[in-house]
Amino acid sequence: MGGRRYRAGRMIWEEFDRPGAVRAFRAVSPAALGAEHWLDLECFDEGVRLRHTIAGEAVGEYEAVWREQIEPTHALFGSSARPGSHQ
């Protein structure tokens, strides 16, 4: 799409700067999926952990899309959901 916007299926994501994150994206379309996700690194003596965090809310038809399609896929990779995010 150009710039810092990316299409993923029916969604359009925009990359943005989030303090402490390696990369961060927010859903700009559809409006019913108000979500952000980001990657950050945690360094410790044994190495580095890459963490993927998702925060947001799905409403209307996207509640089912989140619950049945998006959340199970992300759970396979150990993504964490922040308090207040749709689970």
PDB file of N, CA and C in Angstrom:
ATOM      1  N   MET A   1       0.819  -1.194   0.000  1.00  0.00           N
ATOM      2  CA  MET A   1       0.000   0.000   0.000  1.00  0.00           C
ATOM      3  C   MET A   1       0.859   1.254   0.000  1.00  0.00           C
ATOM      4  N   GLY A   2       2.088   1.100   0.425  1.00  0.00           N
ATOM      5  CA  GLY A   2       2.968   2.255   0.461  1.00  0.00           C
ATOM      6  C   GLY A   2       2.999   2.915   1.823  1.00  0.00           C
ATOM      7  N   GLY A   3       3.987   3.744   2.001  1.00  0.00           N
ATOM      8  CA  GLY A   3       4.132   4.423   3.278  1.00  0.00           C
ATOM      9  C   GLY A   3       4.324   3.410   4.390  1.00  0.00           C
ATOM     10  N   ARG A   4       3.601   3.588   5.467  1.00  0.00           N
ATOM     11  CA  ARG A   4       3.696   2.661   6.595  1.00  0.00           C
ATOM     12  C   ARG A   4       2.396   1.901   6.796  1.00  0.00           C
ATOM     13  N   ARG A   5       1.660   1.667   5.694  1.00  0.00           N
ATOM     14  CA  ARG A   5       0.396   0.931   5.733  1.00  0.00           C
ATOM     15  C   ARG A   5       0.528  -0.389   4.994  1.00  0.00           C
ATOM     16  N   TYR A   6      -0.130  -1.417   5.566  1.00  0.00           N
ATOM     17  CA  TYR A   6      -0.048  -2.765   5.020  1.00  0.00           C
ATOM     18  C   TYR A   6      -1.426  -3.404   5.035  1.00  0.00           C
ATOM     19  N   ARG A   7      -1.754  -4.116   3.979  1.00  0.00           N
ATOM     20  CA  ARG A   7      -3.026  -4.835   3.912  1.00  0.00           C
ATOM     21  C   ARG A   7      -2.779  -6.278   4.328  1.00  0.00           C
ATOM     22  N   ALA A   8      -3.652  -6.786   5.201  1.00  0.00           N
ATOM     23  CA  ALA A   8      -3.620  -8.182   5.626  1.00  0.00           C
ATOM     24  C   ALA A   8      -5.055  -8.689   5.587  1.00  0.00           C
ATOM     25  N   GLY A   9      -5.431  -9.352   4.513  1.00  0.00           N
ATOM     26  CA  GLY A   9      -6.808  -9.795   4.348  1.00  0.00           C
ATOM     27  C   GLY A   9      -7.734  -8.601   4.264  1.00  0.00           C
ATOM     28  N   ARG A  10      -8.742  -8.567   5.150  1.00  0.00           N
ATOM     29  CA  ARG A  10      -9.706  -7.456   5.159  1.00  0.00           C
ATOM     30  C   ARG A  10      -9.218  -6.283   5.992  1.00  0.00           C
ATOM     31  N   MET A  11      -8.057  -6.406   6.609  1.00  0.00           N
ATOM     32  CA  MET A  11      -7.572  -5.371   7.520  1.00  0.00           C
ATOM     33  C   MET A  11      -6.477  -4.530   6.877  1.00  0.00           C
ATOM     34  N   ILE A  12      -6.426  -3.276   7.308  1.00  0.00           N
ATOM     35  CA  ILE A  12      -5.320  -2.394   6.936  1.00  0.00           C
ATOM     36  C   ILE A  12      -4.638  -1.986   8.238  1.00  0.00           C
ATOM     37  N   TRP A  13      -3.327  -2.203   8.281  1.00  0.00           N
ATOM     38  CA  TRP A  13      -2.518  -1.894   9.458  1.00  0.00           C
ATOM     39  C   TRP A  13      -1.581  -0.747   9.133  1.00  0.00           C
ATOM     40  N   GLU A  14      -1.352   0.097  10.111  1.00  0.00           N
ATOM     41  CA  GLU A  14      -0.443   1.227   9.962  1.00  0.00           C
ATOM     42  C   GLU A  14       0.659   1.089  11.006  1.00  0.00           C
ATOM     43  N   GLU A  15       1.882   1.167  10.561  1.00  0.00           N
ATOM     44  CA  GLU A  15       2.999   1.118  11.495  1.00  0.00           C
ATOM     45  C   GLU A  15       3.120   2.465  12.199  1.00  0.00           C
ATOM     46  N   PHE A  16       3.429   2.429  13.502  1.00  0.00           N
ATOM     47  CA  PHE A  16       3.620   3.668  14.245  1.00  0.00           C
ATOM     48  C   PHE A  16       4.753   3.481  15.246  1.00  0.00           C
ATOM     49  N   ASP A  17       5.244   4.577  15.763  1.00  0.00           N
ATOM     50  CA  ASP A  17       6.337   4.534  16.728  1.00  0.00           C
ATOM     51  C   ASP A  17       5.767   4.394  18.127  1.00  0.00           C
ATOM     52  N   ARG A  18       6.176   3.334  18.820  1.00  0.00           N
ATOM     53  CA  ARG A  18       5.743   3.083  20.199  1.00  0.00           C
ATOM     54  C   ARG A  18       7.011   2.966  21.037  1.00  0.00           C
ATOM     55  N   PRO A  19       7.153   3.784  22.077  1.00  0.00           N
ATOM     56  CA  PRO A  19       8.365   3.728  22.909  1.00  0.00           C
ATOM     57  C   PRO A  19       8.617   2.315  23.436  1.00  0.00           C
ATOM     58  N   GLY A  20       9.826   1.842  23.269  1.00  0.00           N
ATOM     59  CA  GLY A  20      10.225   0.530  23.754  1.00  0.00           C
ATOM     60  C   GLY A  20       9.944  -0.619  22.808  1.00  0.00           C
ATOM     61  N   ALA A  21       9.176  -0.372  21.749  1.00  0.00           N
ATOM     62  CA  ALA A  21       8.835  -1.448  20.813  1.00  0.00           C
ATOM     63  C   ALA A  21       9.813  -1.475  19.651  1.00  0.00           C
ATOM     64  N   VAL A  22      10.104  -2.684  19.186  1.00  0.00           N
ATOM     65  CA  VAL A  22      10.923  -2.848  17.990  1.00  0.00           C
ATOM     66  C   VAL A  22      10.097  -2.432  16.772  1.00  0.00           C
ATOM     67  N   ARG A  23       8.836  -2.895  16.718  1.00  0.00           N
ATOM     68  CA  ARG A  23       7.885  -2.498  15.684  1.00  0.00           C
ATOM     69  C   ARG A  23       6.512  -2.491  16.301  1.00  0.00           C
ATOM     70  N   ALA A  24       5.631  -1.609  15.816  1.00  0.00           N
ATOM     71  CA  ALA A  24       4.272  -1.512  16.337  1.00  0.00           C
ATOM     72  C   ALA A  24       3.320  -1.164  15.204  1.00  0.00           C
ATOM     73  N   PHE A  25       2.107  -1.731  15.278  1.00  0.00           N
ATOM     74  CA  PHE A  25       1.092  -1.527  14.249  1.00  0.00           C
ATOM     75  C   PHE A  25      -0.260  -1.308  14.902  1.00  0.00           C
ATOM     76  N   ARG A  26      -1.115  -0.509  14.240  1.00  0.00           N
ATOM     77  CA  ARG A  26      -2.499  -0.339  14.690  1.00  0.00           C
ATOM     78  C   ARG A  26      -3.415  -0.586  13.501  1.00  0.00           C
ATOM     79  N   ALA A  27      -4.564  -1.192  13.786  1.00  0.00           N
ATOM     80  CA  ALA A  27      -5.556  -1.436  12.737  1.00  0.00           C
ATOM     81  C   ALA A  27      -6.253  -0.115  12.420  1.00  0.00           C
ATOM     82  N   VAL A  28      -6.233   0.280  11.161  1.00  0.00           N
ATOM     83  CA  VAL A  28      -6.937   1.499  10.748  1.00  0.00           C
ATOM     84  C   VAL A  28      -8.225   1.158   9.996  1.00  0.00           C
ATOM     85  N   SER A  29      -8.366  -0.091   9.607  1.00  0.00           N
ATOM     86  CA  SER A  29      -9.580  -0.554   8.942  1.00  0.00           C
ATOM     87  C   SER A  29      -9.666  -2.064   9.127  1.00  0.00           C
ATOM     88  N   PRO A  30     -10.812  -2.564   9.469  1.00  0.00           N
ATOM     89  CA  PRO A  30     -12.106  -1.937   9.653  1.00  0.00           C
ATOM     90  C   PRO A  30     -12.198  -1.232  11.003  1.00  0.00           C
ATOM     91  N   ALA A  31     -13.104  -0.279  11.095  1.00  0.00           N
ATOM     92  CA  ALA A  31     -13.264   0.493  12.331  1.00  0.00           C
ATOM     93  C   ALA A  31     -13.713  -0.376  13.500  1.00  0.00           C
ATOM     94  N   ALA A  32     -14.378  -1.497  13.224  1.00  0.00           N
ATOM     95  CA  ALA A  32     -14.885  -2.379  14.284  1.00  0.00           C
ATOM     96  C   ALA A  32     -13.778  -3.180  14.961  1.00  0.00           C
ATOM     97  N   LEU A  33     -12.571  -3.088  14.450  1.00  0.00           N
ATOM     98  CA  LEU A  33     -11.436  -3.793  15.054  1.00  0.00           C
ATOM     99  C   LEU A  33     -10.410  -2.754  15.483  1.00  0.00           C
ATOM    100  N   GLY A  34     -10.598  -2.219  16.679  1.00  0.00           N
ATOM    101  CA  GLY A  34      -9.669  -1.224  17.218  1.00  0.00           C
ATOM    102  C   GLY A  34      -8.556  -1.937  17.950  1.00  0.00           C
ATOM    103  N   ALA A  35      -7.467  -2.206  17.268  1.00  0.00           N
ATOM    104  CA  ALA A  35      -6.407  -3.014  17.874  1.00  0.00           C
ATOM    105  C   ALA A  35      -5.023  -2.446  17.564  1.00  0.00           C
ATOM    106  N   GLU A  36      -4.116  -2.703  18.472  1.00  0.00           N
ATOM    107  CA  GLU A  36      -2.696  -2.428  18.266  1.00  0.00           C
ATOM    108  C   GLU A  36      -1.936  -3.695  18.602  1.00  0.00           C
ATOM    109  N   HIS A  37      -0.850  -3.909  17.913  1.00  0.00           N
ATOM    110  CA  HIS A  37       0.045  -4.977  18.334  1.00  0.00           C
ATOM    111  C   HIS A  37       1.470  -4.517  18.122  1.00  0.00           C
ATOM    112  N   TRP A  38       2.339  -5.014  18.995  1.00  0.00           N
ATOM    113  CA  TRP A  38       3.730  -4.590  18.925  1.00  0.00           C
ATOM    114  C   TRP A  38       4.657  -5.700  19.381  1.00  0.00           C
ATOM    115  N   LEU A  39       5.905  -5.538  18.980  1.00  0.00           N
ATOM    116  CA  LEU A  39       6.974  -6.470  19.333  1.00  0.00           C
ATOM    117  C   LEU A  39       7.997  -5.723  20.167  1.00  0.00           C
ATOM    118  N   ASP A  40       8.424  -6.355  21.252  1.00  0.00           N
ATOM    119  CA  ASP A  40       9.511  -5.771  22.029  1.00  0.00           C
ATOM    120  C   ASP A  40      10.473  -6.869  22.435  1.00  0.00           C
ATOM    121  N   LEU A  41      11.656  -6.459  22.822  1.00  0.00           N
ATOM    122  CA  LEU A  41      12.712  -7.391  23.216  1.00  0.00           C
ATOM    123  C   LEU A  41      12.976  -7.271  24.698  1.00  0.00           C
ATOM    124  N   GLU A  42      13.154  -8.411  25.344  1.00  0.00           N
ATOM    125  CA  GLU A  42      13.518  -8.443  26.759  1.00  0.00           C
ATOM    126  C   GLU A  42      14.848  -9.177  26.860  1.00  0.00           C
ATOM    127  N   CYS A  43      15.858  -8.472  27.306  1.00  0.00           N
ATOM    128  CA  CYS A  43      17.194  -9.057  27.446  1.00  0.00           C
ATOM    129  C   CYS A  43      17.393  -9.579  28.864  1.00  0.00           C
ATOM    130  N   PHE A  44      18.019 -10.736  28.974  1.00  0.00           N
ATOM    131  CA  PHE A  44      18.375 -11.300  30.270  1.00  0.00           C
ATOM    132  C   PHE A  44      19.629 -12.125  30.089  1.00  0.00           C
ATOM    133  N   ASP A  45      20.188 -12.653  31.167  1.00  0.00           N
ATOM    134  CA  ASP A  45      21.479 -13.340  31.116  1.00  0.00           C
ATOM    135  C   ASP A  45      21.543 -14.466  30.099  1.00  0.00           C
ATOM    136  N   GLU A  46      20.463 -15.222  29.939  1.00  0.00           N
ATOM    137  CA  GLU A  46      20.466 -16.373  29.050  1.00  0.00           C
ATOM    138  C   GLU A  46      20.215 -16.015  27.583  1.00  0.00           C
ATOM    139  N   GLY A  47      19.828 -14.783  27.299  1.00  0.00           N
ATOM    140  CA  GLY A  47      19.567 -14.407  25.918  1.00  0.00           C
ATOM    141  C   GLY A  47      18.560 -13.282  25.796  1.00  0.00           C
ATOM    142  N   VAL A  48      17.760 -13.367  24.742  1.00  0.00           N
ATOM    143  CA  VAL A  48      16.781 -12.333  24.440  1.00  0.00           C
ATOM    144  C   VAL A  48      15.432 -12.995  24.163  1.00  0.00           C
ATOM    145  N   ARG A  49      14.369 -12.399  24.687  1.00  0.00           N
ATOM    146  CA  ARG A  49      13.015 -12.894  24.435  1.00  0.00           C
ATOM    147  C   ARG A  49      12.293 -11.871  23.557  1.00  0.00           C
ATOM    148  N   LEU A  50      11.699 -12.347  22.486  1.00  0.00           N
ATOM    149  CA  LEU A  50      10.863 -11.512  21.626  1.00  0.00           C
ATOM    150  C   LEU A  50       9.429 -11.676  22.109  1.00  0.00           C
ATOM    151  N   ARG A  51       8.774 -10.565  22.461  1.00  0.00           N
ATOM    152  CA  ARG A  51       7.411 -10.610  22.977  1.00  0.00           C
ATOM    153  C   ARG A  51       6.479  -9.889  21.998  1.00  0.00           C
ATOM    154  N   HIS A  52       5.342 -10.516  21.716  1.00  0.00           N
ATOM    155  CA  HIS A  52       4.323  -9.957  20.830  1.00  0.00           C
ATOM    156  C   HIS A  52       3.098  -9.682  21.688  1.00  0.00           C
ATOM    157  N   THR A  53       2.689  -8.432  21.783  1.00  0.00           N
ATOM    158  CA  THR A  53       1.552  -8.044  22.621  1.00  0.00           C
ATOM    159  C   THR A  53       0.446  -7.470  21.755  1.00  0.00           C
ATOM    160  N   ILE A  54      -0.790  -7.812  22.105  1.00  0.00           N
ATOM    161  CA  ILE A  54      -1.959  -7.327  21.384  1.00  0.00           C
ATOM    162  C   ILE A  54      -2.879  -6.638  22.385  1.00  0.00           C
ATOM    163  N   ALA A  55      -3.365  -5.454  22.028  1.00  0.00           N
ATOM    164  CA  ALA A  55      -4.323  -4.736  22.880  1.00  0.00           C
ATOM    165  C   ALA A  55      -5.385  -4.134  21.975  1.00  0.00           C
ATOM    166  N   GLY A  56      -6.625  -4.218  22.405  1.00  0.00           N
ATOM    167  CA  GLY A  56      -7.674  -3.618  21.596  1.00  0.00           C
ATOM    168  C   GLY A  56      -9.026  -4.189  21.899  1.00  0.00           C
ATOM    169  N   GLU A  57      -9.970  -3.899  21.011  1.00  0.00           N
ATOM    170  CA  GLU A  57     -11.334  -4.345  21.184  1.00  0.00           C
ATOM    171  C   GLU A  57     -11.952  -4.612  19.821  1.00  0.00           C
ATOM    172  N   ALA A  58     -12.658  -5.717  19.739  1.00  0.00           N
ATOM    173  CA  ALA A  58     -13.404  -6.055  18.528  1.00  0.00           C
ATOM    174  C   ALA A  58     -14.886  -5.922  18.843  1.00  0.00           C
ATOM    175  N   VAL A  59     -15.621  -5.282  17.943  1.00  0.00           N
ATOM    176  CA  VAL A  59     -17.064  -5.102  18.157  1.00  0.00           C
ATOM    177  C   VAL A  59     -17.833  -5.601  16.944  1.00  0.00           C
ATOM    178  N   GLY A  60     -19.126  -5.821  17.153  1.00  0.00           N
ATOM    179  CA  GLY A  60     -19.980  -6.274  16.054  1.00  0.00           C
ATOM    180  C   GLY A  60     -19.517  -7.603  15.503  1.00  0.00           C
ATOM    181  N   GLU A  61     -19.545  -7.734  14.181  1.00  0.00           N
ATOM    182  CA  GLU A  61     -19.167  -8.998  13.543  1.00  0.00           C
ATOM    183  C   GLU A  61     -17.712  -9.374  13.825  1.00  0.00           C
ATOM    184  N   TYR A  62     -16.879  -8.419  14.172  1.00  0.00           N
ATOM    185  CA  TYR A  62     -15.470  -8.715  14.410  1.00  0.00           C
ATOM    186  C   TYR A  62     -15.218  -9.382  15.759  1.00  0.00           C
ATOM    187  N   GLU A  63     -16.215  -9.377  16.659  1.00  0.00           N
ATOM    188  CA  GLU A  63     -16.065 -10.147  17.897  1.00  0.00           C
ATOM    189  C   GLU A  63     -15.891 -11.628  17.565  1.00  0.00           C
ATOM    190  N   ALA A  64     -16.717 -12.151  16.673  1.00  0.00           N
ATOM    191  CA  ALA A  64     -16.618 -13.553  16.273  1.00  0.00           C
ATOM    192  C   ALA A  64     -15.353 -13.800  15.462  1.00  0.00           C
ATOM    193  N   VAL A  65     -15.005 -12.880  14.568  1.00  0.00           N
ATOM    194  CA  VAL A  65     -13.779 -13.031  13.777  1.00  0.00           C
ATOM    195  C   VAL A  65     -12.578 -13.112  14.710  1.00  0.00           C
ATOM    196  N   TRP A  66     -12.524 -12.234  15.720  1.00  0.00           N
ATOM    197  CA  TRP A  66     -11.427 -12.254  16.683  1.00  0.00           C
ATOM    198  C   TRP A  66     -11.396 -13.596  17.423  1.00  0.00           C
ATOM    199  N   ARG A  67     -12.516 -13.960  18.004  1.00  0.00           N
ATOM    200  CA  ARG A  67     -12.601 -15.150  18.854  1.00  0.00           C
ATOM    201  C   ARG A  67     -12.303 -16.436  18.079  1.00  0.00           C
ATOM    202  N   GLU A  68     -12.801 -16.544  16.847  1.00  0.00           N
ATOM    203  CA  GLU A  68     -12.715 -17.791  16.099  1.00  0.00           C
ATOM    204  C   GLU A  68     -11.515 -17.888  15.160  1.00  0.00           C
ATOM    205  N   GLN A  69     -10.955 -16.764  14.727  1.00  0.00           N
ATOM    206  CA  GLN A  69      -9.884 -16.813  13.740  1.00  0.00           C
ATOM    207  C   GLN A  69      -8.576 -16.184  14.223  1.00  0.00           C
ATOM    208  N   ILE A  70      -8.654 -14.953  14.692  1.00  0.00           N
ATOM    209  CA  ILE A  70      -7.428 -14.213  15.017  1.00  0.00           C
ATOM    210  C   ILE A  70      -6.807 -14.679  16.323  1.00  0.00           C
ATOM    211  N   GLU A  71      -7.582 -14.722  17.394  1.00  0.00           N
ATOM    212  CA  GLU A  71      -7.040 -15.092  18.707  1.00  0.00           C
ATOM    213  C   GLU A  71      -6.414 -16.489  18.725  1.00  0.00           C
ATOM    214  N   PRO A  72      -7.064 -17.534  18.180  1.00  0.00           N
ATOM    215  CA  PRO A  72      -6.440 -18.863  18.222  1.00  0.00           C
ATOM    216  C   PRO A  72      -5.096 -18.922  17.503  1.00  0.00           C
ATOM    217  N   THR A  73      -4.982 -18.214  16.387  1.00  0.00           N
ATOM    218  CA  THR A  73      -3.714 -18.200  15.651  1.00  0.00           C
ATOM    219  C   THR A  73      -2.618 -17.529  16.470  1.00  0.00           C
ATOM    220  N   HIS A  74      -2.930 -16.396  17.077  1.00  0.00           N
ATOM    221  CA  HIS A  74      -1.931 -15.698  17.879  1.00  0.00           C
ATOM    222  C   HIS A  74      -1.568 -16.485  19.128  1.00  0.00           C
ATOM    223  N   ALA A  75      -2.525 -17.207  19.699  1.00  0.00           N
ATOM    224  CA  ALA A  75      -2.244 -17.996  20.899  1.00  0.00           C
ATOM    225  C   ALA A  75      -1.234 -19.097  20.614  1.00  0.00           C
ATOM    226  N   LEU A  76      -1.196 -19.606  19.392  1.00  0.00           N
ATOM    227  CA  LEU A  76      -0.214 -20.636  19.031  1.00  0.00           C
ATOM    228  C   LEU A  76       1.219 -20.140  19.199  1.00  0.00           C
ATOM    229  N   PHE A  77       1.403 -18.838  19.051  1.00  0.00           N
ATOM    230  CA  PHE A  77       2.738 -18.256  19.139  1.00  0.00           C
ATOM    231  C   PHE A  77       3.014 -17.626  20.492  1.00  0.00           C
ATOM    232  N   GLY A  78       2.102 -17.796  21.433  1.00  0.00           N
ATOM    233  CA  GLY A  78       2.315 -17.295  22.784  1.00  0.00           C
ATOM    234  C   GLY A  78       2.168 -15.797  22.924  1.00  0.00           C
ATOM    235  N   SER A  79       1.376 -15.163  22.067  1.00  0.00           N
ATOM    236  CA  SER A  79       1.162 -13.724  22.182  1.00  0.00           C
ATOM    237  C   SER A  79       0.446 -13.415  23.485  1.00  0.00           C
ATOM    238  N   SER A  80       0.741 -12.264  24.059  1.00  0.00           N
ATOM    239  CA  SER A  80       0.081 -11.885  25.303  1.00  0.00           C
ATOM    240  C   SER A  80      -0.947 -10.802  25.030  1.00  0.00           C
ATOM    241  N   ALA A  81      -2.043 -10.867  25.774  1.00  0.00           N
ATOM    242  CA  ALA A  81      -3.084  -9.848  25.674  1.00  0.00           C
ATOM    243  C   ALA A  81      -3.016  -8.981  26.919  1.00  0.00           C
ATOM    244  N   ARG A  82      -3.101  -7.694  26.757  1.00  0.00           N
ATOM    245  CA  ARG A  82      -3.048  -6.773  27.887  1.00  0.00           C
ATOM    246  C   ARG A  82      -4.411  -6.640  28.533  1.00  0.00           C
ATOM    247  N   PRO A  83      -4.444  -6.313  29.837  1.00  0.00           N
ATOM    248  CA  PRO A  83      -5.738  -6.108  30.505  1.00  0.00           C
ATOM    249  C   PRO A  83      -6.570  -5.087  29.738  1.00  0.00           C
ATOM    250  N   GLY A  84      -7.847  -5.374  29.620  1.00  0.00           N
ATOM    251  CA  GLY A  84      -8.747  -4.484  28.901  1.00  0.00           C
ATOM    252  C   GLY A  84      -8.834  -4.815  27.420  1.00  0.00           C
ATOM    253  N   SER A  85      -7.981  -5.703  26.943  1.00  0.00           N
ATOM    254  CA  SER A  85      -8.061  -6.072  25.545  1.00  0.00           C
ATOM    255  C   SER A  85      -9.106  -7.150  25.385  1.00  0.00           C
ATOM    256  N   HIS A  86      -9.623  -7.287  24.191  1.00  0.00           N
ATOM    257  CA  HIS A  86     -10.669  -8.272  23.920  1.00  0.00           C
ATOM    258  C   HIS A  86     -10.039  -9.658  23.909  1.00  0.00           C
ATOM    259  N   GLN A  87     -10.603 -10.560  24.689  1.00  0.00           N
ATOM    260  CA  GLN A  87     -10.076 -11.931  24.714  1.00  0.00           C
ATOM    261  C   GLN A  87     -11.176 -12.920  24.463  1.00  0.00           C
TER     262      GLN A  87
END
